[in-house]
Amino acid sequence: QVQLVESGGDLVQAGGSLRLSCAASGHTFIGHVKGWFRQAPGKERAFVSAITWSGASTIYSDSVKGRFTISRDNANNTVTLQMSGLKPEDTDVYYCAVTPWKSSWLPTLRSDYAYWGQGTQVTVSS
């Protein structure tokens, strides 16, 4: 059974930093793209960032570019999102996700990802 478990969400002041992690089990995900999305109540789940298997290619949404950094540790089957310069508008539930196939390109649509974690809450106070 495939499981993705996020951790690291917390309450932080604006300008602060957080590190989100997502641990996968039940699948090696060799060659698969891993990503992060976020969602506020009543809103669509939005793309944040993604990374290829090798880590050589990454992509970020315009709203987080320059502030967030995605990385992965394939030996431990984890993906991490380092967030800095946090703003109140970054307050959301953050989800990690994995594509159902091996890929060398970086999808940004929710429908391109098949495996999802349960989410971790990030709250940024002003």
PDB file of N, CA and C in Angstrom:
ATOM      1  N   GLN A   1       0.845  -1.189   0.000  1.00  0.00           N
ATOM      2  CA  GLN A   1       0.000   0.000   0.000  1.00  0.00           C
ATOM      3  C   GLN A   1       0.885   1.246   0.000  1.00  0.00           C
ATOM      4  N   VAL A   2       0.634   2.105  -0.974  1.00  0.00           N
ATOM      5  CA  VAL A   2       1.424   3.323  -1.086  1.00  0.00           C
ATOM      6  C   VAL A   2       0.944   4.344  -0.063  1.00  0.00           C
ATOM      7  N   GLN A   3       1.891   4.935   0.627  1.00  0.00           N
ATOM      8  CA  GLN A   3       1.571   5.988   1.593  1.00  0.00           C
ATOM      9  C   GLN A   3       2.546   7.141   1.442  1.00  0.00           C
ATOM     10  N   LEU A   4       2.002   8.346   1.502  1.00  0.00           N
ATOM     11  CA  LEU A   4       2.796   9.562   1.562  1.00  0.00           C
ATOM     12  C   LEU A   4       2.410  10.282   2.845  1.00  0.00           C
ATOM     13  N   VAL A   5       3.399  10.604   3.664  1.00  0.00           N
ATOM     14  CA  VAL A   5       3.120  11.237   4.952  1.00  0.00           C
ATOM     15  C   VAL A   5       3.920  12.527   5.055  1.00  0.00           C
ATOM     16  N   GLU A   6       3.193  13.649   5.116  1.00  0.00           N
ATOM     17  CA  GLU A   6       3.850  14.944   5.260  1.00  0.00           C
ATOM     18  C   GLU A   6       4.064  15.280   6.734  1.00  0.00           C
ATOM     19  N   SER A   7       5.057  16.104   6.982  1.00  0.00           N
ATOM     20  CA  SER A   7       5.317  16.605   8.320  1.00  0.00           C
ATOM     21  C   SER A   7       5.982  17.968   8.209  1.00  0.00           C
ATOM     22  N   GLY A   8       5.990  18.689   9.323  1.00  0.00           N
ATOM     23  CA  GLY A   8       6.687  19.964   9.361  1.00  0.00           C
ATOM     24  C   GLY A   8       5.805  21.186   9.373  1.00  0.00           C
ATOM     25  N   GLY A   9       4.520  21.019   9.135  1.00  0.00           N
ATOM     26  CA  GLY A   9       3.632  22.162   9.171  1.00  0.00           C
ATOM     27  C   GLY A   9       3.555  22.751  10.566  1.00  0.00           C
ATOM     28  N   ASP A  10       3.351  24.071  10.626  1.00  0.00           N
ATOM     29  CA  ASP A  10       3.353  24.732  11.935  1.00  0.00           C
ATOM     30  C   ASP A  10       2.804  26.143  11.785  1.00  0.00           C
ATOM     31  N   LEU A  11       2.707  26.826  12.913  1.00  0.00           N
ATOM     32  CA  LEU A  11       2.364  28.239  12.955  1.00  0.00           C
ATOM     33  C   LEU A  11       3.671  29.023  13.026  1.00  0.00           C
ATOM     34  N   VAL A  12       3.825  29.988  12.127  1.00  0.00           N
ATOM     35  CA  VAL A  12       5.064  30.759  12.070  1.00  0.00           C
ATOM     36  C   VAL A  12       4.728  32.214  11.766  1.00  0.00           C
ATOM     37  N   GLN A  13       5.581  33.115  12.212  1.00  0.00           N
ATOM     38  CA  GLN A  13       5.371  34.529  11.919  1.00  0.00           C
ATOM     39  C   GLN A  13       5.826  34.868  10.511  1.00  0.00           C
ATOM     40  N   ALA A  14       5.233  35.904   9.975  1.00  0.00           N
ATOM     41  CA  ALA A  14       5.632  36.359   8.646  1.00  0.00           C
ATOM     42  C   ALA A  14       7.135  36.641   8.617  1.00  0.00           C
ATOM     43  N   GLY A  15       7.756  36.224   7.537  1.00  0.00           N
ATOM     44  CA  GLY A  15       9.195  36.352   7.394  1.00  0.00           C
ATOM     45  C   GLY A  15       9.977  35.147   7.884  1.00  0.00           C
ATOM     46  N   GLY A  16       9.286  34.248   8.542  1.00  0.00           N
ATOM     47  CA  GLY A  16       9.932  33.065   9.083  1.00  0.00           C
ATOM     48  C   GLY A  16      10.124  31.965   8.060  1.00  0.00           C
ATOM     49  N   SER A  17      10.607  30.829   8.544  1.00  0.00           N
ATOM     50  CA  SER A  17      10.906  29.689   7.680  1.00  0.00           C
ATOM     51  C   SER A  17      10.307  28.412   8.243  1.00  0.00           C
ATOM     52  N   LEU A  18      10.019  27.495   7.331  1.00  0.00           N
ATOM     53  CA  LEU A  18       9.573  26.151   7.700  1.00  0.00           C
ATOM     54  C   LEU A  18      10.139  25.165   6.707  1.00  0.00           C
ATOM     55  N   ARG A  19      10.275  23.926   7.175  1.00  0.00           N
ATOM     56  CA  ARG A  19      10.753  22.853   6.307  1.00  0.00           C
ATOM     57  C   ARG A  19       9.724  21.739   6.342  1.00  0.00           C
ATOM     58  N   LEU A  20       9.106  21.501   5.203  1.00  0.00           N
ATOM     59  CA  LEU A  20       8.147  20.412   5.084  1.00  0.00           C
ATOM     60  C   LEU A  20       8.829  19.183   4.509  1.00  0.00           C
ATOM     61  N   SER A  21       8.472  18.024   5.034  1.00  0.00           N
ATOM     62  CA  SER A  21       9.000  16.774   4.511  1.00  0.00           C
ATOM     63  C   SER A  21       7.864  15.827   4.167  1.00  0.00           C
ATOM     64  N   CYS A  22       8.119  14.957   3.230  1.00  0.00           N
ATOM     65  CA  CYS A  22       7.130  13.960   2.820  1.00  0.00           C
ATOM     66  C   CYS A  22       7.855  12.635   2.649  1.00  0.00           C
ATOM     67  N   ALA A  23       7.448  11.658   3.436  1.00  0.00           N
ATOM     68  CA  ALA A  23       8.058  10.333   3.382  1.00  0.00           C
ATOM     69  C   ALA A  23       7.123   9.375   2.657  1.00  0.00           C
ATOM     70  N   ALA A  24       7.663   8.662   1.700  1.00  0.00           N
ATOM     71  CA  ALA A  24       6.879   7.705   0.922  1.00  0.00           C
ATOM     72  C   ALA A  24       7.220   6.283   1.333  1.00  0.00           C
ATOM     73  N   SER A  25       6.224   5.429   1.260  1.00  0.00           N
ATOM     74  CA  SER A  25       6.424   4.009   1.521  1.00  0.00           C
ATOM     75  C   SER A  25       5.504   3.216   0.605  1.00  0.00           C
ATOM     76  N   GLY A  26       5.851   1.952   0.406  1.00  0.00           N
ATOM     77  CA  GLY A  26       5.032   1.080  -0.427  1.00  0.00           C
ATOM     78  C   GLY A  26       5.323   1.157  -1.915  1.00  0.00           C
ATOM     79  N   HIS A  27       6.238   2.034  -2.296  1.00  0.00           N
ATOM     80  CA  HIS A  27       6.601   2.214  -3.717  1.00  0.00           C
ATOM     81  C   HIS A  27       7.948   2.920  -3.741  1.00  0.00           C
ATOM     82  N   THR A  28       8.828   2.493  -4.618  1.00  0.00           N
ATOM     83  CA  THR A  28      10.152   3.127  -4.680  1.00  0.00           C
ATOM     84  C   THR A  28      10.112   4.471  -5.414  1.00  0.00           C
ATOM     85  N   PHE A  29       9.124   4.647  -6.299  1.00  0.00           N
ATOM     86  CA  PHE A  29       8.990   5.875  -7.106  1.00  0.00           C
ATOM     87  C   PHE A  29      10.253   6.205  -7.884  1.00  0.00           C
ATOM     88  N   ILE A  30      10.946   5.181  -8.325  1.00  0.00           N
ATOM     89  CA  ILE A  30      12.139   5.408  -9.151  1.00  0.00           C
ATOM     90  C   ILE A  30      11.713   6.071 -10.460  1.00  0.00           C
ATOM     91  N   GLY A  31      12.300   7.205 -10.765  1.00  0.00           N
ATOM     92  CA  GLY A  31      12.008   7.896 -12.015  1.00  0.00           C
ATOM     93  C   GLY A  31      10.785   8.796 -11.989  1.00  0.00           C
ATOM     94  N   HIS A  32      10.015   8.760 -10.898  1.00  0.00           N
ATOM     95  CA  HIS A  32       8.788   9.555 -10.836  1.00  0.00           C
ATOM     96  C   HIS A  32       9.078  10.982 -10.368  1.00  0.00           C
ATOM     97  N   VAL A  33       8.246  11.896 -10.828  1.00  0.00           N
ATOM     98  CA  VAL A  33       8.322  13.281 -10.365  1.00  0.00           C
ATOM     99  C   VAL A  33       7.583  13.403  -9.030  1.00  0.00           C
ATOM    100  N   LYS A  34       8.160  14.158  -8.120  1.00  0.00           N
ATOM    101  CA  LYS A  34       7.500  14.461  -6.848  1.00  0.00           C
ATOM    102  C   LYS A  34       7.217  15.953  -6.782  1.00  0.00           C
ATOM    103  N   GLY A  35       6.111  16.304  -6.153  1.00  0.00           N
ATOM    104  CA  GLY A  35       5.742  17.709  -6.108  1.00  0.00           C
ATOM    105  C   GLY A  35       5.010  18.088  -4.837  1.00  0.00           C
ATOM    106  N   TRP A  36       4.755  19.383  -4.749  1.00  0.00           N
ATOM    107  CA  TRP A  36       3.984  19.940  -3.628  1.00  0.00           C
ATOM    108  C   TRP A  36       2.865  20.809  -4.191  1.00  0.00           C
ATOM    109  N   PHE A  37       1.715  20.698  -3.566  1.00  0.00           N
ATOM    110  CA  PHE A  37       0.566  21.538  -3.858  1.00  0.00           C
ATOM    111  C   PHE A  37       0.084  22.143  -2.549  1.00  0.00           C
ATOM    112  N   ARG A  38      -0.779  23.131  -2.647  1.00  0.00           N
ATOM    113  CA  ARG A  38      -1.367  23.703  -1.444  1.00  0.00           C
ATOM    114  C   ARG A  38      -2.815  24.073  -1.701  1.00  0.00           C
ATOM    115  N   GLN A  39      -3.576  24.116  -0.628  1.00  0.00           N
ATOM    116  CA  GLN A  39      -5.008  24.359  -0.771  1.00  0.00           C
ATOM    117  C   GLN A  39      -5.554  25.072   0.457  1.00  0.00           C
ATOM    118  N   ALA A  40      -6.313  26.125   0.214  1.00  0.00           N
ATOM    119  CA  ALA A  40      -7.032  26.833   1.262  1.00  0.00           C
ATOM    120  C   ALA A  40      -8.487  26.388   1.218  1.00  0.00           C
ATOM    121  N   PRO A  41      -9.202  26.509   2.328  1.00  0.00           N
ATOM    122  CA  PRO A  41     -10.612  26.106   2.358  1.00  0.00           C
ATOM    123  C   PRO A  41     -11.419  26.799   1.268  1.00  0.00           C
ATOM    124  N   GLY A  42     -12.169  26.016   0.517  1.00  0.00           N
ATOM    125  CA  GLY A  42     -13.011  26.576  -0.520  1.00  0.00           C
ATOM    126  C   GLY A  42     -12.313  26.951  -1.797  1.00  0.00           C
ATOM    127  N   LYS A  43     -11.020  26.665  -1.868  1.00  0.00           N
ATOM    128  CA  LYS A  43     -10.257  27.001  -3.070  1.00  0.00           C
ATOM    129  C   LYS A  43      -9.716  25.751  -3.737  1.00  0.00           C
ATOM    130  N   GLU A  44      -9.317  25.910  -4.996  1.00  0.00           N
ATOM    131  CA  GLU A  44      -8.724  24.797  -5.720  1.00  0.00           C
ATOM    132  C   GLU A  44      -7.326  24.492  -5.176  1.00  0.00           C
ATOM    133  N   ARG A  45      -6.939  23.218  -5.282  1.00  0.00           N
ATOM    134  CA  ARG A  45      -5.583  22.848  -4.902  1.00  0.00           C
ATOM    135  C   ARG A  45      -4.618  23.398  -5.958  1.00  0.00           C
ATOM    136  N   ALA A  46      -3.624  24.121  -5.519  1.00  0.00           N
ATOM    137  CA  ALA A  46      -2.741  24.840  -6.427  1.00  0.00           C
ATOM    138  C   ALA A  46      -1.326  24.268  -6.408  1.00  0.00           C
ATOM    139  N   PHE A  47      -0.714  24.254  -7.572  1.00  0.00           N
ATOM    140  CA  PHE A  47       0.656  23.776  -7.716  1.00  0.00           C
ATOM    141  C   PHE A  47       1.631  24.713  -7.009  1.00  0.00           C
ATOM    142  N   VAL A  48       2.626  24.115  -6.352  1.00  0.00           N
ATOM    143  CA  VAL A  48       3.679  24.893  -5.692  1.00  0.00           C
ATOM    144  C   VAL A  48       5.037  24.630  -6.329  1.00  0.00           C
ATOM    145  N   SER A  49       5.403  23.344  -6.413  1.00  0.00           N
ATOM    146  CA  SER A  49       6.745  23.026  -6.908  1.00  0.00           C
ATOM    147  C   SER A  49       6.821  21.557  -7.267  1.00  0.00           C
ATOM    148  N   ALA A  50       7.787  21.210  -8.117  1.00  0.00           N
ATOM    149  CA  ALA A  50       8.006  19.816  -8.481  1.00  0.00           C
ATOM    150  C   ALA A  50       9.475  19.599  -8.798  1.00  0.00           C
ATOM    151  N   ILE A  51       9.887  18.324  -8.727  1.00  0.00           N
ATOM    152  CA  ILE A  51      11.290  17.983  -8.938  1.00  0.00           C
ATOM    153  C   ILE A  51      11.381  16.630  -9.624  1.00  0.00           C
ATOM    154  N   THR A  52      12.302  16.513 -10.563  1.00  0.00           N
ATOM    155  CA  THR A  52      12.503  15.246 -11.237  1.00  0.00           C
ATOM    156  C   THR A  52      13.263  14.271 -10.352  1.00  0.00           C
ATOM    157  N   TRP A  53      13.308  13.033 -10.795  1.00  0.00           N
ATOM    158  CA  TRP A  53      13.985  11.971 -10.037  1.00  0.00           C
ATOM    159  C   TRP A  53      15.437  12.337  -9.728  1.00  0.00           C
ATOM    160  N   SER A  54      16.138  12.856 -10.718  1.00  0.00           N
ATOM    161  CA  SER A  54      17.559  13.169 -10.534  1.00  0.00           C
ATOM    162  C   SER A  54      17.764  14.418  -9.688  1.00  0.00           C
ATOM    163  N   GLY A  55      16.715  15.236  -9.596  1.00  0.00           N
ATOM    164  CA  GLY A  55      16.862  16.509  -8.899  1.00  0.00           C
ATOM    165  C   GLY A  55      17.442  17.605  -9.767  1.00  0.00           C
ATOM    166  N   ALA A  56      17.774  17.268 -11.000  1.00  0.00           N
ATOM    167  CA  ALA A  56      18.417  18.249 -11.877  1.00  0.00           C
ATOM    168  C   ALA A  56      17.443  19.314 -12.349  1.00  0.00           C
ATOM    169  N   SER A  57      16.167  18.962 -12.399  1.00  0.00           N
ATOM    170  CA  SER A  57      15.153  19.917 -12.860  1.00  0.00           C
ATOM    171  C   SER A  57      14.119  20.160 -11.776  1.00  0.00           C
ATOM    172  N   THR A  58      13.819  21.434 -11.584  1.00  0.00           N
ATOM    173  CA  THR A  58      12.788  21.834 -10.629  1.00  0.00           C
ATOM    174  C   THR A  58      11.939  22.931 -11.260  1.00  0.00           C
ATOM    175  N   ILE A  59      10.759  23.105 -10.716  1.00  0.00           N
ATOM    176  CA  ILE A  59       9.874  24.161 -11.186  1.00  0.00           C
ATOM    177  C   ILE A  59       9.090  24.701  -9.985  1.00  0.00           C
ATOM    178  N   TYR A  60       8.794  25.992 -10.030  1.00  0.00           N
ATOM    179  CA  TYR A  60       8.081  26.641  -8.939  1.00  0.00           C
ATOM    180  C   TYR A  60       6.970  27.521  -9.488  1.00  0.00           C
ATOM    181  N   SER A  61       5.921  27.677  -8.719  1.00  0.00           N
ATOM    182  CA  SER A  61       4.905  28.647  -9.080  1.00  0.00           C
ATOM    183  C   SER A  61       5.497  30.044  -8.896  1.00  0.00           C
ATOM    184  N   ASP A  62       4.966  30.989  -9.602  1.00  0.00           N
ATOM    185  CA  ASP A  62       5.477  32.353  -9.514  1.00  0.00           C
ATOM    186  C   ASP A  62       5.370  32.899  -8.096  1.00  0.00           C
ATOM    187  N   SER A  63       4.351  32.483  -7.373  1.00  0.00           N
ATOM    188  CA  SER A  63       4.115  33.030  -6.040  1.00  0.00           C
ATOM    189  C   SER A  63       5.151  32.597  -5.012  1.00  0.00           C
ATOM    190  N   VAL A  64       5.885  31.520  -5.278  1.00  0.00           N
ATOM    191  CA  VAL A  64       6.867  31.037  -4.296  1.00  0.00           C
ATOM    192  C   VAL A  64       8.286  31.072  -4.827  1.00  0.00           C
ATOM    193  N   LYS A  65       8.452  31.383  -6.093  1.00  0.00           N
ATOM    194  CA  LYS A  65       9.778  31.366  -6.711  1.00  0.00           C
ATOM    195  C   LYS A  65      10.718  32.316  -5.972  1.00  0.00           C
ATOM    196  N   GLY A  66      11.893  31.831  -5.655  1.00  0.00           N
ATOM    197  CA  GLY A  66      12.871  32.631  -4.941  1.00  0.00           C
ATOM    198  C   GLY A  66      12.761  32.530  -3.434  1.00  0.00           C
ATOM    199  N   ARG A  67      11.667  31.957  -2.953  1.00  0.00           N
ATOM    200  CA  ARG A  67      11.476  31.819  -1.498  1.00  0.00           C
ATOM    201  C   ARG A  67      11.459  30.357  -1.050  1.00  0.00           C
ATOM    202  N   PHE A  68      10.958  29.473  -1.911  1.00  0.00           N
ATOM    203  CA  PHE A  68      10.862  28.059  -1.578  1.00  0.00           C
ATOM    204  C   PHE A  68      11.894  27.270  -2.382  1.00  0.00           C
ATOM    205  N   THR A  69      12.373  26.172  -1.798  1.00  0.00           N
ATOM    206  CA  THR A  69      13.308  25.280  -2.474  1.00  0.00           C
ATOM    207  C   THR A  69      12.871  23.842  -2.263  1.00  0.00           C
ATOM    208  N   ILE A  70      12.729  23.126  -3.361  1.00  0.00           N
ATOM    209  CA  ILE A  70      12.349  21.713  -3.287  1.00  0.00           C
ATOM    210  C   ILE A  70      13.601  20.858  -3.462  1.00  0.00           C
ATOM    211  N   SER A  71      13.629  19.738  -2.764  1.00  0.00           N
ATOM    212  CA  SER A  71      14.727  18.787  -2.903  1.00  0.00           C
ATOM    213  C   SER A  71      14.196  17.398  -2.601  1.00  0.00           C
ATOM    214  N   ARG A  72      14.968  16.392  -2.951  1.00  0.00           N
ATOM    215  CA  ARG A  72      14.544  15.020  -2.682  1.00  0.00           C
ATOM    216  C   ARG A  72      15.728  14.159  -2.301  1.00  0.00           C
ATOM    217  N   ASP A  73      15.454  13.153  -1.519  1.00  0.00           N
ATOM    218  CA  ASP A  73      16.449  12.168  -1.097  1.00  0.00           C
ATOM    219  C   ASP A  73      15.911  10.812  -1.538  1.00  0.00           C
ATOM    220  N   ASN A  74      16.404  10.335  -2.654  1.00  0.00           N
ATOM    221  CA  ASN A  74      15.867   9.089  -3.211  1.00  0.00           C
ATOM    222  C   ASN A  74      16.226   7.876  -2.363  1.00  0.00           C
ATOM    223  N   ALA A  75      17.333   7.928  -1.698  1.00  0.00           N
ATOM    224  CA  ALA A  75      17.722   6.803  -0.841  1.00  0.00           C
ATOM    225  C   ALA A  75      16.715   6.602   0.286  1.00  0.00           C
ATOM    226  N   ASN A  76      16.147   7.702   0.759  1.00  0.00           N
ATOM    227  CA  ASN A  76      15.175   7.632   1.839  1.00  0.00           C
ATOM    228  C   ASN A  76      13.746   7.842   1.376  1.00  0.00           C
ATOM    229  N   ASN A  77      13.589   8.002   0.051  1.00  0.00           N
ATOM    230  CA  ASN A  77      12.264   8.150  -0.553  1.00  0.00           C
ATOM    231  C   ASN A  77      11.492   9.327   0.065  1.00  0.00           C
ATOM    232  N   THR A  78      12.176  10.450   0.165  1.00  0.00           N
ATOM    233  CA  THR A  78      11.544  11.648   0.730  1.00  0.00           C
ATOM    234  C   THR A  78      11.671  12.823  -0.233  1.00  0.00           C
ATOM    235  N   VAL A  79      10.786  13.768  -0.056  1.00  0.00           N
ATOM    236  CA  VAL A  79      10.852  15.046  -0.765  1.00  0.00           C
ATOM    237  C   VAL A  79      10.627  16.142   0.276  1.00  0.00           C
ATOM    238  N   THR A  80      11.367  17.224   0.134  1.00  0.00           N
ATOM    239  CA  THR A  80      11.362  18.290   1.123  1.00  0.00           C
ATOM    240  C   THR A  80      11.071  19.627   0.453  1.00  0.00           C
ATOM    241  N   LEU A  81      10.351  20.467   1.172  1.00  0.00           N
ATOM    242  CA  LEU A  81      10.096  21.821   0.696  1.00  0.00           C
ATOM    243  C   LEU A  81      10.586  22.784   1.765  1.00  0.00           C
ATOM    244  N   GLN A  82      11.667  23.469   1.482  1.00  0.00           N
ATOM    245  CA  GLN A  82      12.215  24.481   2.382  1.00  0.00           C
ATOM    246  C   GLN A  82      11.558  25.809   2.044  1.00  0.00           C
ATOM    247  N   MET A  83      10.870  26.382   3.016  1.00  0.00           N
ATOM    248  CA  MET A  83      10.128  27.614   2.784  1.00  0.00           C
ATOM    249  C   MET A  83      10.736  28.733   3.626  1.00  0.00           C
ATOM    250  N   SER A  84      11.041  29.830   3.001  1.00  0.00           N
ATOM    251  CA  SER A  84      11.572  30.984   3.720  1.00  0.00           C
ATOM    252  C   SER A  84      10.824  32.234   3.265  1.00  0.00           C
ATOM    253  N   GLY A  85      11.004  33.301   4.004  1.00  0.00           N
ATOM    254  CA  GLY A  85      10.311  34.536   3.665  1.00  0.00           C
ATOM    255  C   GLY A  85       8.809  34.346   3.622  1.00  0.00           C
ATOM    256  N   LEU A  86       8.295  33.570   4.571  1.00  0.00           N
ATOM    257  CA  LEU A  86       6.877  33.216   4.538  1.00  0.00           C
ATOM    258  C   LEU A  86       5.986  34.444   4.710  1.00  0.00           C
ATOM    259  N   LYS A  87       4.868  34.409   4.003  1.00  0.00           N
ATOM    260  CA  LYS A  87       3.888  35.488   4.014  1.00  0.00           C
ATOM    261  C   LYS A  87       2.545  34.944   4.493  1.00  0.00           C
ATOM    262  N   PRO A  88       1.684  35.794   5.014  1.00  0.00           N
ATOM    263  CA  PRO A  88       0.352  35.313   5.442  1.00  0.00           C
ATOM    264  C   PRO A  88      -0.395  34.595   4.318  1.00  0.00           C
ATOM    265  N   GLU A  89      -0.185  35.020   3.088  1.00  0.00           N
ATOM    266  CA  GLU A  89      -0.868  34.372   1.960  1.00  0.00           C
ATOM    267  C   GLU A  89      -0.328  32.979   1.649  1.00  0.00           C
ATOM    268  N   ASP A  90       0.733  32.556   2.323  1.00  0.00           N
ATOM    269  CA  ASP A  90       1.227  31.185   2.187  1.00  0.00           C
ATOM    270  C   ASP A  90       0.466  30.229   3.104  1.00  0.00           C
ATOM    271  N   THR A  91      -0.420  30.758   3.922  1.00  0.00           N
ATOM    272  CA  THR A  91      -1.213  29.919   4.816  1.00  0.00           C
ATOM    273  C   THR A  91      -2.112  28.993   4.014  1.00  0.00           C
ATOM    274  N   ASP A  92      -1.919  27.693   4.179  1.00  0.00           N
ATOM    275  CA  ASP A  92      -2.643  26.678   3.411  1.00  0.00           C
ATOM    276  C   ASP A  92      -2.352  25.308   4.033  1.00  0.00           C
ATOM    277  N   VAL A  93      -3.081  24.322   3.550  1.00  0.00           N
ATOM    278  CA  VAL A  93      -2.693  22.940   3.783  1.00  0.00           C
ATOM    279  C   VAL A  93      -1.803  22.526   2.608  1.00  0.00           C
ATOM    280  N   TYR A  94      -0.637  21.998   2.925  1.00  0.00           N
ATOM    281  CA  TYR A  94       0.334  21.610   1.905  1.00  0.00           C
ATOM    282  C   TYR A  94       0.319  20.091   1.719  1.00  0.00           C
ATOM    283  N   TYR A  95       0.259  19.684   0.456  1.00  0.00           N
ATOM    284  CA  TYR A  95       0.195  18.274   0.109  1.00  0.00           C
ATOM    285  C   TYR A  95       1.390  17.888  -0.752  1.00  0.00           C
ATOM    286  N   CYS A  96       1.997  16.752  -0.464  1.00  0.00           N
ATOM    287  CA  CYS A  96       2.979  16.222  -1.399  1.00  0.00           C
ATOM    288  C   CYS A  96       2.262  15.271  -2.350  1.00  0.00           C
ATOM    289  N   ALA A  97       2.844  15.116  -3.522  1.00  0.00           N
ATOM    290  CA  ALA A  97       2.211  14.317  -4.565  1.00  0.00           C
ATOM    291  C   ALA A  97       3.284  13.681  -5.441  1.00  0.00           C
ATOM    292  N   VAL A  98       2.923  12.563  -6.056  1.00  0.00           N
ATOM    293  CA  VAL A  98       3.848  11.847  -6.933  1.00  0.00           C
ATOM    294  C   VAL A  98       3.107  11.441  -8.204  1.00  0.00           C
ATOM    295  N   THR A  99       3.799  11.539  -9.334  1.00  0.00           N
ATOM    296  CA  THR A  99       3.183  11.144 -10.598  1.00  0.00           C
ATOM    297  C   THR A  99       3.036   9.627 -10.680  1.00  0.00           C
ATOM    298  N   PRO A 100       2.083   9.156 -11.471  1.00  0.00           N
ATOM    299  CA  PRO A 100       1.887   7.705 -11.613  1.00  0.00           C
ATOM    300  C   PRO A 100       2.878   7.073 -12.580  1.00  0.00           C
ATOM    301  N   TRP A 101       3.687   7.885 -13.239  1.00  0.00           N
ATOM    302  CA  TRP A 101       4.630   7.361 -14.227  1.00  0.00           C
ATOM    303  C   TRP A 101       6.000   8.010 -14.046  1.00  0.00           C
ATOM    304  N   LYS A 102       7.013   7.383 -14.683  1.00  0.00           N
ATOM    305  CA  LYS A 102       8.343   7.981 -14.720  1.00  0.00           C
ATOM    306  C   LYS A 102       8.308   9.141 -15.706  1.00  0.00           C
ATOM    307  N   SER A 103       9.019  10.194 -15.382  1.00  0.00           N
ATOM    308  CA  SER A 103       8.957  11.362 -16.238  1.00  0.00           C
ATOM    309  C   SER A 103      10.230  12.183 -16.128  1.00  0.00           C
ATOM    310  N   SER A 104      10.622  12.761 -17.260  1.00  0.00           N
ATOM    311  CA  SER A 104      11.750  13.686 -17.272  1.00  0.00           C
ATOM    312  C   SER A 104      11.273  15.126 -17.393  1.00  0.00           C
ATOM    313  N   TRP A 105       9.948  15.302 -17.518  1.00  0.00           N
ATOM    314  CA  TRP A 105       9.398  16.651 -17.555  1.00  0.00           C
ATOM    315  C   TRP A 105       8.587  16.877 -16.276  1.00  0.00           C
ATOM    316  N   LEU A 106       8.233  18.113 -16.028  1.00  0.00           N
ATOM    317  CA  LEU A 106       7.654  18.483 -14.745  1.00  0.00           C
ATOM    318  C   LEU A 106       6.206  18.928 -14.899  1.00  0.00           C
ATOM    319  N   PRO A 107       5.272  18.054 -14.599  1.00  0.00           N
ATOM    320  CA  PRO A 107       3.862  18.440 -14.701  1.00  0.00           C
ATOM    321  C   PRO A 107       3.453  19.356 -13.554  1.00  0.00           C
ATOM    322  N   THR A 108       2.510  20.232 -13.851  1.00  0.00           N
ATOM    323  CA  THR A 108       2.023  21.168 -12.836  1.00  0.00           C
ATOM    324  C   THR A 108       0.529  21.056 -12.580  1.00  0.00           C
ATOM    325  N   LEU A 109      -0.124  20.163 -13.275  1.00  0.00           N
ATOM    326  CA  LEU A 109      -1.559  19.998 -13.077  1.00  0.00           C
ATOM    327  C   LEU A 109      -1.837  18.953 -12.001  1.00  0.00           C
ATOM    328  N   ARG A 110      -2.848  19.223 -11.214  1.00  0.00           N
ATOM    329  CA  ARG A 110      -3.229  18.272 -10.179  1.00  0.00           C
ATOM    330  C   ARG A 110      -3.534  16.902 -10.786  1.00  0.00           C
ATOM    331  N   SER A 111      -4.142  16.873 -11.950  1.00  0.00           N
ATOM    332  CA  SER A 111      -4.550  15.625 -12.586  1.00  0.00           C
ATOM    333  C   SER A 111      -3.367  14.778 -13.048  1.00  0.00           C
ATOM    334  N   ASP A 112      -2.171  15.357 -13.088  1.00  0.00           N
ATOM    335  CA  ASP A 112      -0.987  14.607 -13.490  1.00  0.00           C
ATOM    336  C   ASP A 112      -0.373  13.817 -12.346  1.00  0.00           C
ATOM    337  N   TYR A 113      -0.882  14.002 -11.152  1.00  0.00           N
ATOM    338  CA  TYR A 113      -0.350  13.323  -9.975  1.00  0.00           C
ATOM    339  C   TYR A 113      -1.374  12.317  -9.453  1.00  0.00           C
ATOM    340  N   ALA A 114      -0.901  11.124  -9.092  1.00  0.00           N
ATOM    341  CA  ALA A 114      -1.822  10.065  -8.683  1.00  0.00           C
ATOM    342  C   ALA A 114      -1.754   9.730  -7.205  1.00  0.00           C
ATOM    343  N   TYR A 115      -0.624  10.032  -6.598  1.00  0.00           N
ATOM    344  CA  TYR A 115      -0.429   9.674  -5.200  1.00  0.00           C
ATOM    345  C   TYR A 115      -0.353  10.962  -4.376  1.00  0.00           C
ATOM    346  N   TRP A 116      -1.087  10.973  -3.255  1.00  0.00           N
ATOM    347  CA  TRP A 116      -1.191  12.178  -2.442  1.00  0.00           C
ATOM    348  C   TRP A 116      -1.035  11.853  -0.965  1.00  0.00           C
ATOM    349  N   GLY A 117      -0.434  12.785  -0.250  1.00  0.00           N
ATOM    350  CA  GLY A 117      -0.398  12.687   1.199  1.00  0.00           C
ATOM    351  C   GLY A 117      -1.676  13.259   1.793  1.00  0.00           C
ATOM    352  N   GLN A 118      -1.735  13.239   3.114  1.00  0.00           N
ATOM    353  CA  GLN A 118      -2.937  13.706   3.814  1.00  0.00           C
ATOM    354  C   GLN A 118      -2.901  15.211   4.073  1.00  0.00           C
ATOM    355  N   GLY A 119      -1.750  15.830   3.879  1.00  0.00           N
ATOM    356  CA  GLY A 119      -1.626  17.273   4.047  1.00  0.00           C
ATOM    357  C   GLY A 119      -1.087  17.673   5.401  1.00  0.00           C
ATOM    358  N   THR A 120      -0.417  18.821   5.431  1.00  0.00           N
ATOM    359  CA  THR A 120       0.092  19.384   6.669  1.00  0.00           C
ATOM    360  C   THR A 120      -0.214  20.887   6.662  1.00  0.00           C
ATOM    361  N   GLN A 121      -0.697  21.407   7.780  1.00  0.00           N
ATOM    362  CA  GLN A 121      -1.142  22.788   7.859  1.00  0.00           C
ATOM    363  C   GLN A 121       0.021  23.742   8.100  1.00  0.00           C
ATOM    364  N   VAL A 122       0.094  24.745   7.264  1.00  0.00           N
ATOM    365  CA  VAL A 122       1.046  25.836   7.458  1.00  0.00           C
ATOM    366  C   VAL A 122       0.238  27.106   7.693  1.00  0.00           C
ATOM    367  N   THR A 123       0.508  27.773   8.801  1.00  0.00           N
ATOM    368  CA  THR A 123      -0.181  29.015   9.123  1.00  0.00           C
ATOM    369  C   THR A 123       0.862  30.098   9.369  1.00  0.00           C
ATOM    370  N   VAL A 124       0.741  31.188   8.636  1.00  0.00           N
ATOM    371  CA  VAL A 124       1.681  32.302   8.753  1.00  0.00           C
ATOM    372  C   VAL A 124       0.926  33.496   9.314  1.00  0.00           C
ATOM    373  N   SER A 125       1.352  33.950  10.471  1.00  0.00           N
ATOM    374  CA  SER A 125       0.691  35.091  11.112  1.00  0.00           C
ATOM    375  C   SER A 125       1.387  36.385  10.717  1.00  0.00           C
ATOM    376  N   SER A 126       0.605  37.440  10.651  1.00  0.00           N
ATOM    377  CA  SER A 126       1.159  38.740  10.243  1.00  0.00           C
ATOM    378  C   SER A 126       1.650  39.537  11.438  1.00  0.00           C
TER     379      SER A 126
END
